[in-house]
């Protein structure tokens, strides 16, 4: 009776009809709230930094021939090199395969693009379904995938602009106003609305470290013809407060020469 019991346990534990692969793998999920950054260590010893409003799902133990994680939002990866076991980041549109490298992936669902920036090592971008290589990136290269058109563009960049957020620095370099608004919303966990689209053509360069939101907005007022108003935060039934809402408009009476 006892030997049969042991054999039965082994059979049930190895029978995929009873324990499918997705059931046998236990996953952890880490979420970094808006306005915060989160650092974590993966089961293989690799390190990940999660940016504002980002989620990383990963198995509690990597098994098989790959180390696969699932990203929503933005993360910076410092991956331990394992030649016999590649590391894969799955996003909504494609996979990023590496063996040992440092790189950043930005894949927020509400954004029109998915971006990958490589600091060291080599990164391969693959179609999610067929694992077909669509691009290969070397250090200091960045790929931008446009969701609507399916087009992918690569260029050489200064990676500090795209990776320094994990050190508490937000770097803007000739960023259009729409990008500035998008980044400030996540950085400070506020709602910002650009009411005059004429402002979208303005570009900004700045490095934000310890400045408050209103210090940044006042700086923008100095270099561009904008005004901003802040709505009062309201108390919700559960006792929490609504997000601070900022509305940005063009300065009254301003006429572009």
C-alpha atoms as a PDB file:
ATOM      1  CA  UNK A   1       0.000   0.000   0.000  1.00  0.00           C
ATOM      2  CA  UNK A   2       2.723   2.470   0.919  1.00  0.00           C
ATOM      3  CA  UNK A   3       4.789   1.935  -2.289  1.00  0.00           C
ATOM      4  CA  UNK A   4       1.647   2.422  -4.365  1.00  0.00           C
ATOM      5  CA  UNK A   5       0.927   5.655  -2.520  1.00  0.00           C
ATOM      6  CA  UNK A   6       4.414   7.030  -3.269  1.00  0.00           C
ATOM      7  CA  UNK A   7       4.206   6.063  -6.924  1.00  0.00           C
ATOM      8  CA  UNK A   8       0.780   7.657  -7.140  1.00  0.00           C
ATOM      9  CA  UNK A   9       2.113  10.917  -5.730  1.00  0.00           C
ATOM     10  CA  UNK A  10       4.933  10.957  -8.276  1.00  0.00           C
ATOM     11  CA  UNK A  11       2.458  10.204 -11.071  1.00  0.00           C
ATOM     12  CA  UNK A  12       0.059  12.985 -10.105  1.00  0.00           C
ATOM     13  CA  UNK A  13       2.858  15.487  -9.671  1.00  0.00           C
ATOM     14  CA  UNK A  14       4.216  14.671 -13.119  1.00  0.00           C
ATOM     15  CA  UNK A  15       0.965  14.235 -15.003  1.00  0.00           C
ATOM     16  CA  UNK A  16       0.268  17.465 -16.947  1.00  0.00           C
ATOM     17  CA  UNK A  17      -3.373  16.426 -17.335  1.00  0.00           C
ATOM     18  CA  UNK A  18      -3.779  16.878 -13.578  1.00  0.00           C
ATOM     19  CA  UNK A  19      -1.168  19.541 -12.904  1.00  0.00           C
ATOM     20  CA  UNK A  20      -0.847  21.682 -16.052  1.00  0.00           C
ATOM     21  CA  UNK A  21       2.390  23.617 -16.469  1.00  0.00           C
ATOM     22  CA  UNK A  22       0.804  26.984 -15.619  1.00  0.00           C
ATOM     23  CA  UNK A  23      -0.603  25.535 -12.375  1.00  0.00           C
ATOM     24  CA  UNK A  24       2.655  23.928 -11.238  1.00  0.00           C
ATOM     25  CA  UNK A  25       4.588  27.194 -11.670  1.00  0.00           C
ATOM     26  CA  UNK A  26       4.056  29.576  -8.782  1.00  0.00           C
ATOM     27  CA  UNK A  27       4.385  33.239  -9.719  1.00  0.00           C
ATOM     28  CA  UNK A  28       5.166  36.385  -7.773  1.00  0.00           C
ATOM     29  CA  UNK A  29       3.944  39.806  -8.882  1.00  0.00           C
ATOM     30  CA  UNK A  30       5.498  43.102  -7.780  1.00  0.00           C
ATOM     31  CA  UNK A  31       3.795  46.464  -8.356  1.00  0.00           C
ATOM     32  CA  UNK A  32       5.480  49.851  -8.034  1.00  0.00           C
ATOM     33  CA  UNK A  33       2.933  52.564  -7.252  1.00  0.00           C
ATOM     34  CA  UNK A  34       2.866  55.873  -9.107  1.00  0.00           C
ATOM     35  CA  UNK A  35       5.366  58.333  -7.689  1.00  0.00           C
ATOM     36  CA  UNK A  36       7.703  55.566  -6.468  1.00  0.00           C
ATOM     37  CA  UNK A  37      10.507  53.276  -7.638  1.00  0.00           C
ATOM     38  CA  UNK A  38      10.956  49.644  -6.543  1.00  0.00           C
ATOM     39  CA  UNK A  39      14.129  47.530  -6.573  1.00  0.00           C
ATOM     40  CA  UNK A  40      13.912  43.747  -6.407  1.00  0.00           C
ATOM     41  CA  UNK A  41      16.021  40.644  -6.876  1.00  0.00           C
ATOM     42  CA  UNK A  42      14.890  37.788  -9.090  1.00  0.00           C
ATOM     43  CA  UNK A  43      15.313  34.085  -8.202  1.00  0.00           C
ATOM     44  CA  UNK A  44      18.467  33.852 -10.346  1.00  0.00           C
ATOM     45  CA  UNK A  45      20.142  36.793  -8.576  1.00  0.00           C
ATOM     46  CA  UNK A  46      19.425  39.331 -11.346  1.00  0.00           C
ATOM     47  CA  UNK A  47      18.326  42.815 -10.262  1.00  0.00           C
ATOM     48  CA  UNK A  48      15.329  44.793 -11.516  1.00  0.00           C
ATOM     49  CA  UNK A  49      14.200  48.356 -10.875  1.00  0.00           C
ATOM     50  CA  UNK A  50      10.501  49.084 -11.488  1.00  0.00           C
ATOM     51  CA  UNK A  51       9.420  52.600 -12.433  1.00  0.00           C
ATOM     52  CA  UNK A  52       6.185  54.363 -11.449  1.00  0.00           C
ATOM     53  CA  UNK A  53       2.975  52.405 -12.051  1.00  0.00           C
ATOM     54  CA  UNK A  54       4.770  49.265 -13.266  1.00  0.00           C
ATOM     55  CA  UNK A  55       4.222  45.553 -12.645  1.00  0.00           C
ATOM     56  CA  UNK A  56       6.591  42.606 -13.025  1.00  0.00           C
ATOM     57  CA  UNK A  57       5.362  39.006 -12.892  1.00  0.00           C
ATOM     58  CA  UNK A  58       7.935  36.207 -12.548  1.00  0.00           C
ATOM     59  CA  UNK A  59       8.124  32.590 -11.338  1.00  0.00           C
ATOM     60  CA  UNK A  60       9.389  31.983  -7.819  1.00  0.00           C
ATOM     61  CA  UNK A  61      11.858  29.549  -9.392  1.00  0.00           C
ATOM     62  CA  UNK A  62      13.178  29.631 -12.951  1.00  0.00           C
ATOM     63  CA  UNK A  63      12.971  26.209 -14.597  1.00  0.00           C
ATOM     64  CA  UNK A  64      13.502  24.947 -18.114  1.00  0.00           C
ATOM     65  CA  UNK A  65      15.723  26.515 -20.742  1.00  0.00           C
ATOM     66  CA  UNK A  66      14.634  30.140 -20.250  1.00  0.00           C
ATOM     67  CA  UNK A  67      14.086  32.705 -17.498  1.00  0.00           C
ATOM     68  CA  UNK A  68      10.824  34.418 -18.459  1.00  0.00           C
ATOM     69  CA  UNK A  69       9.202  37.468 -16.844  1.00  0.00           C
ATOM     70  CA  UNK A  70       6.177  39.577 -17.791  1.00  0.00           C
ATOM     71  CA  UNK A  71       6.358  43.375 -17.756  1.00  0.00           C
ATOM     72  CA  UNK A  72       3.666  46.046 -17.755  1.00  0.00           C
ATOM     73  CA  UNK A  73       5.128  49.544 -17.451  1.00  0.00           C
ATOM     74  CA  UNK A  74       8.848  50.329 -17.259  1.00  0.00           C
ATOM     75  CA  UNK A  75      11.764  48.425 -15.777  1.00  0.00           C
ATOM     76  CA  UNK A  76      15.549  48.497 -15.810  1.00  0.00           C
ATOM     77  CA  UNK A  77      17.170  45.052 -15.841  1.00  0.00           C
ATOM     78  CA  UNK A  78      20.650  43.992 -14.699  1.00  0.00           C
ATOM     79  CA  UNK A  79      20.700  40.344 -15.784  1.00  0.00           C
ATOM     80  CA  UNK A  80      23.227  37.741 -14.667  1.00  0.00           C
ATOM     81  CA  UNK A  81      24.872  35.985 -17.580  1.00  0.00           C
ATOM     82  CA  UNK A  82      23.814  32.364 -18.071  1.00  0.00           C
ATOM     83  CA  UNK A  83      24.817  31.173 -21.576  1.00  0.00           C
ATOM     84  CA  UNK A  84      22.651  28.059 -21.314  1.00  0.00           C
ATOM     85  CA  UNK A  85      19.525  29.883 -20.110  1.00  0.00           C
ATOM     86  CA  UNK A  86      18.412  33.057 -21.879  1.00  0.00           C
ATOM     87  CA  UNK A  87      16.375  35.725 -20.098  1.00  0.00           C
ATOM     88  CA  UNK A  88      13.109  36.836 -21.755  1.00  0.00           C
ATOM     89  CA  UNK A  89      10.979  39.890 -21.014  1.00  0.00           C
ATOM     90  CA  UNK A  90       7.478  39.510 -22.423  1.00  0.00           C
ATOM     91  CA  UNK A  91       5.502  42.643 -23.323  1.00  0.00           C
ATOM     92  CA  UNK A  92       2.151  43.074 -25.052  1.00  0.00           C
ATOM     93  CA  UNK A  93       3.725  43.300 -28.517  1.00  0.00           C
ATOM     94  CA  UNK A  94       7.048  41.444 -28.561  1.00  0.00           C
ATOM     95  CA  UNK A  95       9.658  39.643 -26.459  1.00  0.00           C
ATOM     96  CA  UNK A  96      13.105  40.892 -25.444  1.00  0.00           C
ATOM     97  CA  UNK A  97      15.690  38.081 -25.220  1.00  0.00           C
ATOM     98  CA  UNK A  98      19.085  38.512 -23.523  1.00  0.00           C
ATOM     99  CA  UNK A  99      21.762  36.329 -21.914  1.00  0.00           C
ATOM    100  CA  UNK A 100      23.504  38.828 -19.637  1.00  0.00           C
ATOM    101  CA  UNK A 101      23.124  42.556 -20.050  1.00  0.00           C
ATOM    102  CA  UNK A 102      21.768  45.823 -18.654  1.00  0.00           C
ATOM    103  CA  UNK A 103      18.840  47.400 -20.445  1.00  0.00           C
ATOM    104  CA  UNK A 104      15.599  49.342 -20.010  1.00  0.00           C
ATOM    105  CA  UNK A 105      12.129  48.472 -21.311  1.00  0.00           C
ATOM    106  CA  UNK A 106       9.213  50.917 -21.297  1.00  0.00           C
ATOM    107  CA  UNK A 107       5.875  49.240 -22.110  1.00  0.00           C
ATOM    108  CA  UNK A 108       2.991  51.130 -20.537  1.00  0.00           C
ATOM    109  CA  UNK A 109      -0.390  49.979 -21.950  1.00  0.00           C
ATOM    110  CA  UNK A 110      -1.622  53.560 -22.404  1.00  0.00           C
ATOM    111  CA  UNK A 111       1.424  54.638 -24.435  1.00  0.00           C
ATOM    112  CA  UNK A 112       1.567  54.484 -28.238  1.00  0.00           C
ATOM    113  CA  UNK A 113       5.068  53.000 -28.203  1.00  0.00           C
ATOM    114  CA  UNK A 114       7.208  50.326 -26.578  1.00  0.00           C
ATOM    115  CA  UNK A 115      10.843  51.326 -26.093  1.00  0.00           C
ATOM    116  CA  UNK A 116      13.974  49.300 -25.392  1.00  0.00           C
ATOM    117  CA  UNK A 117      17.348  50.884 -24.543  1.00  0.00           C
ATOM    118  CA  UNK A 118      20.565  48.860 -24.148  1.00  0.00           C
ATOM    119  CA  UNK A 119      23.424  49.926 -21.865  1.00  0.00           C
ATOM    120  CA  UNK A 120      25.628  46.824 -22.031  1.00  0.00           C
ATOM    121  CA  UNK A 121      25.507  43.474 -23.783  1.00  0.00           C
ATOM    122  CA  UNK A 122      23.206  42.469 -26.622  1.00  0.00           C
ATOM    123  CA  UNK A 123      19.418  42.397 -26.864  1.00  0.00           C
ATOM    124  CA  UNK A 124      17.268  40.532 -29.392  1.00  0.00           C
ATOM    125  CA  UNK A 125      13.692  41.610 -30.111  1.00  0.00           C
ATOM    126  CA  UNK A 126      11.353  38.819 -31.201  1.00  0.00           C
ATOM    127  CA  UNK A 127       7.752  38.527 -32.328  1.00  0.00           C
ATOM    128  CA  UNK A 128       5.761  37.155 -29.407  1.00  0.00           C
ATOM    129  CA  UNK A 129       4.011  34.314 -31.216  1.00  0.00           C
ATOM    130  CA  UNK A 130       6.687  32.880 -33.506  1.00  0.00           C
ATOM    131  CA  UNK A 131       9.941  33.905 -31.740  1.00  0.00           C
ATOM    132  CA  UNK A 132      11.121  35.431 -35.024  1.00  0.00           C
ATOM    133  CA  UNK A 133      13.931  37.959 -34.607  1.00  0.00           C
ATOM    134  CA  UNK A 134      12.881  41.465 -35.684  1.00  0.00           C
ATOM    135  CA  UNK A 135      15.870  43.461 -34.399  1.00  0.00           C
ATOM    136  CA  UNK A 136      19.167  43.135 -32.571  1.00  0.00           C
ATOM    137  CA  UNK A 137      20.464  45.934 -30.365  1.00  0.00           C
ATOM    138  CA  UNK A 138      24.023  46.673 -29.253  1.00  0.00           C
ATOM    139  CA  UNK A 139      25.153  48.951 -26.389  1.00  0.00           C
ATOM    140  CA  UNK A 140      23.907  52.571 -26.647  1.00  0.00           C
ATOM    141  CA  UNK A 141      21.149  51.595 -29.072  1.00  0.00           C
ATOM    142  CA  UNK A 142      17.436  52.190 -28.618  1.00  0.00           C
ATOM    143  CA  UNK A 143      14.430  50.698 -30.404  1.00  0.00           C
ATOM    144  CA  UNK A 144      10.996  52.318 -30.558  1.00  0.00           C
ATOM    145  CA  UNK A 145       8.033  50.202 -31.644  1.00  0.00           C
ATOM    146  CA  UNK A 146       4.835  52.009 -32.718  1.00  0.00           C
ATOM    147  CA  UNK A 147       1.800  49.955 -31.766  1.00  0.00           C
ATOM    148  CA  UNK A 148      -0.620  51.404 -34.327  1.00  0.00           C
ATOM    149  CA  UNK A 149       1.590  51.012 -37.398  1.00  0.00           C
ATOM    150  CA  UNK A 150       3.736  48.075 -36.316  1.00  0.00           C
ATOM    151  CA  UNK A 151       6.842  50.021 -37.383  1.00  0.00           C
ATOM    152  CA  UNK A 152      10.086  49.711 -35.440  1.00  0.00           C
ATOM    153  CA  UNK A 153      12.896  52.270 -35.513  1.00  0.00           C
ATOM    154  CA  UNK A 154      16.368  52.088 -33.962  1.00  0.00           C
ATOM    155  CA  UNK A 155      18.951  54.775 -33.225  1.00  0.00           C
ATOM    156  CA  UNK A 156      22.081  55.470 -31.191  1.00  0.00           C
ATOM    157  CA  UNK A 157      21.491  57.394 -27.953  1.00  0.00           C
ATOM    158  CA  UNK A 158      22.999  58.586 -24.709  1.00  0.00           C
ATOM    159  CA  UNK A 159      21.450  55.927 -22.474  1.00  0.00           C
ATOM    160  CA  UNK A 160      21.573  58.114 -19.349  1.00  0.00           C
ATOM    161  CA  UNK A 161      18.431  59.930 -20.469  1.00  0.00           C
ATOM    162  CA  UNK A 162      16.467  56.669 -20.530  1.00  0.00           C
ATOM    163  CA  UNK A 163      17.942  54.843 -17.522  1.00  0.00           C
ATOM    164  CA  UNK A 164      18.766  57.473 -14.872  1.00  0.00           C
ATOM    165  CA  UNK A 165      15.214  57.433 -13.479  1.00  0.00           C
ATOM    166  CA  UNK A 166      16.234  54.533 -11.242  1.00  0.00           C
ATOM    167  CA  UNK A 167      18.729  56.903  -9.554  1.00  0.00           C
ATOM    168  CA  UNK A 168      16.017  59.492  -8.927  1.00  0.00           C
ATOM    169  CA  UNK A 169      16.840  61.672 -11.942  1.00  0.00           C
ATOM    170  CA  UNK A 170      14.370  62.623 -14.659  1.00  0.00           C
ATOM    171  CA  UNK A 171      16.274  63.848 -17.703  1.00  0.00           C
ATOM    172  CA  UNK A 172      14.582  65.814 -20.464  1.00  0.00           C
ATOM    173  CA  UNK A 173      16.526  66.517 -23.648  1.00  0.00           C
ATOM    174  CA  UNK A 174      14.574  68.339 -26.363  1.00  0.00           C
ATOM    175  CA  UNK A 175      11.417  66.539 -25.259  1.00  0.00           C
ATOM    176  CA  UNK A 176       8.146  67.824 -26.758  1.00  0.00           C
ATOM    177  CA  UNK A 177       5.556  69.115 -24.321  1.00  0.00           C
ATOM    178  CA  UNK A 178       3.352  66.015 -24.666  1.00  0.00           C
ATOM    179  CA  UNK A 179       6.245  63.815 -23.529  1.00  0.00           C
ATOM    180  CA  UNK A 180       7.054  66.193 -20.677  1.00  0.00           C
ATOM    181  CA  UNK A 181       3.451  66.051 -19.449  1.00  0.00           C
ATOM    182  CA  UNK A 182       3.372  62.247 -19.685  1.00  0.00           C
ATOM    183  CA  UNK A 183       6.591  61.905 -17.680  1.00  0.00           C
ATOM    184  CA  UNK A 184       5.622  64.448 -15.025  1.00  0.00           C
ATOM    185  CA  UNK A 185       2.271  62.738 -14.476  1.00  0.00           C
ATOM    186  CA  UNK A 186       3.990  59.487 -13.555  1.00  0.00           C
ATOM    187  CA  UNK A 187       6.920  61.075 -11.735  1.00  0.00           C
ATOM    188  CA  UNK A 188       4.745  63.108  -9.363  1.00  0.00           C
ATOM    189  CA  UNK A 189       1.581  60.957  -9.442  1.00  0.00           C
ATOM    190  CA  UNK A 190      -0.653  63.798 -10.631  1.00  0.00           C
ATOM    191  CA  UNK A 191      -3.123  64.426 -13.461  1.00  0.00           C
ATOM    192  CA  UNK A 192      -1.895  67.024 -15.961  1.00  0.00           C
ATOM    193  CA  UNK A 193      -3.960  68.238 -18.886  1.00  0.00           C
ATOM    194  CA  UNK A 194      -2.582  70.291 -21.774  1.00  0.00           C
ATOM    195  CA  UNK A 195      -5.501  72.508 -22.817  1.00  0.00           C
ATOM    196  CA  UNK A 196      -3.790  74.396 -25.658  1.00  0.00           C
ATOM    197  CA  UNK A 197      -2.261  72.073 -28.238  1.00  0.00           C
ATOM    198  CA  UNK A 198      -0.119  74.914 -29.632  1.00  0.00           C
ATOM    199  CA  UNK A 199       2.166  74.201 -26.691  1.00  0.00           C
ATOM    200  CA  UNK A 200       2.843  70.693 -27.988  1.00  0.00           C
ATOM    201  CA  UNK A 201       5.440  72.101 -30.413  1.00  0.00           C
ATOM    202  CA  UNK A 202       7.639  73.439 -27.612  1.00  0.00           C
ATOM    203  CA  UNK A 203      10.596  71.306 -26.491  1.00  0.00           C
ATOM    204  CA  UNK A 204      12.303  71.222 -23.126  1.00  0.00           C
ATOM    205  CA  UNK A 205      15.658  70.254 -21.669  1.00  0.00           C
ATOM    206  CA  UNK A 206      16.131  69.848 -17.935  1.00  0.00           C
ATOM    207  CA  UNK A 207      17.393  67.468 -15.251  1.00  0.00           C
ATOM    208  CA  UNK A 208      14.962  66.986 -12.376  1.00  0.00           C
ATOM    209  CA  UNK A 209      16.318  65.517  -9.138  1.00  0.00           C
ATOM    210  CA  UNK A 210      14.879  66.912  -5.923  1.00  0.00           C
ATOM    211  CA  UNK A 211      12.624  69.616  -7.353  1.00  0.00           C
ATOM    212  CA  UNK A 212       8.963  69.653  -6.392  1.00  0.00           C
ATOM    213  CA  UNK A 213       6.268  69.594  -9.056  1.00  0.00           C
ATOM    214  CA  UNK A 214       5.569  73.295  -8.616  1.00  0.00           C
ATOM    215  CA  UNK A 215       9.245  74.196  -8.893  1.00  0.00           C
ATOM    216  CA  UNK A 216       9.304  72.373 -12.225  1.00  0.00           C
ATOM    217  CA  UNK A 217       6.112  74.075 -13.427  1.00  0.00           C
ATOM    218  CA  UNK A 218       7.487  77.480 -12.419  1.00  0.00           C
ATOM    219  CA  UNK A 219      10.645  76.705 -14.405  1.00  0.00           C
ATOM    220  CA  UNK A 220       8.519  75.866 -17.448  1.00  0.00           C
ATOM    221  CA  UNK A 221       6.721  79.204 -17.015  1.00  0.00           C
ATOM    222  CA  UNK A 222      10.038  81.035 -17.229  1.00  0.00           C
ATOM    223  CA  UNK A 223      11.218  79.448 -20.464  1.00  0.00           C
ATOM    224  CA  UNK A 224       7.873  79.075 -22.275  1.00  0.00           C
ATOM    225  CA  UNK A 225       4.609  81.066 -22.440  1.00  0.00           C
ATOM    226  CA  UNK A 226       2.491  78.889 -20.167  1.00  0.00           C
ATOM    227  CA  UNK A 227       0.193  79.318 -17.202  1.00  0.00           C
ATOM    228  CA  UNK A 228      -1.022  76.554 -14.933  1.00  0.00           C
ATOM    229  CA  UNK A 229      -3.837  76.142 -12.453  1.00  0.00           C
ATOM    230  CA  UNK A 230      -4.253  73.545  -9.703  1.00  0.00           C
ATOM    231  CA  UNK A 231      -7.541  72.087  -8.582  1.00  0.00           C
ATOM    232  CA  UNK A 232      -8.216  71.323  -4.946  1.00  0.00           C
ATOM    233  CA  UNK A 233      -7.879  67.658  -3.986  1.00  0.00           C
ATOM    234  CA  UNK A 234     -11.163  66.148  -2.835  1.00  0.00           C
ATOM    235  CA  UNK A 235     -11.721  63.600  -0.113  1.00  0.00           C
ATOM    236  CA  UNK A 236     -13.137  60.269  -1.290  1.00  0.00           C
ATOM    237  CA  UNK A 237     -15.685  58.173   0.667  1.00  0.00           C
ATOM    238  CA  UNK A 238     -12.899  55.788   1.734  1.00  0.00           C
ATOM    239  CA  UNK A 239     -10.917  58.668   3.232  1.00  0.00           C
ATOM    240  CA  UNK A 240      -8.298  58.924   0.474  1.00  0.00           C
ATOM    241  CA  UNK A 241      -7.737  62.048  -1.607  1.00  0.00           C
ATOM    242  CA  UNK A 242      -8.087  62.444  -5.361  1.00  0.00           C
ATOM    243  CA  UNK A 243      -4.984  63.118  -7.415  1.00  0.00           C
ATOM    244  CA  UNK A 244      -3.769  66.686  -7.756  1.00  0.00           C
ATOM    245  CA  UNK A 245      -5.011  68.002 -11.122  1.00  0.00           C
ATOM    246  CA  UNK A 246      -3.001  70.530 -13.120  1.00  0.00           C
ATOM    247  CA  UNK A 247      -4.274  72.353 -16.209  1.00  0.00           C
ATOM    248  CA  UNK A 248      -1.716  73.984 -18.489  1.00  0.00           C
ATOM    249  CA  UNK A 249      -2.688  76.758 -20.915  1.00  0.00           C
ATOM    250  CA  UNK A 250      -0.896  79.232 -23.130  1.00  0.00           C
ATOM    251  CA  UNK A 251      -0.178  82.562 -21.460  1.00  0.00           C
ATOM    252  CA  UNK A 252      -2.993  85.093 -22.125  1.00  0.00           C
ATOM    253  CA  UNK A 253      -2.055  87.722 -24.685  1.00  0.00           C
ATOM    254  CA  UNK A 254       0.939  85.739 -25.964  1.00  0.00           C
ATOM    255  CA  UNK A 255       1.464  85.911 -29.717  1.00  0.00           C
ATOM    256  CA  UNK A 256       4.170  83.818 -31.282  1.00  0.00           C
ATOM    257  CA  UNK A 257       6.444  85.833 -33.538  1.00  0.00           C
END
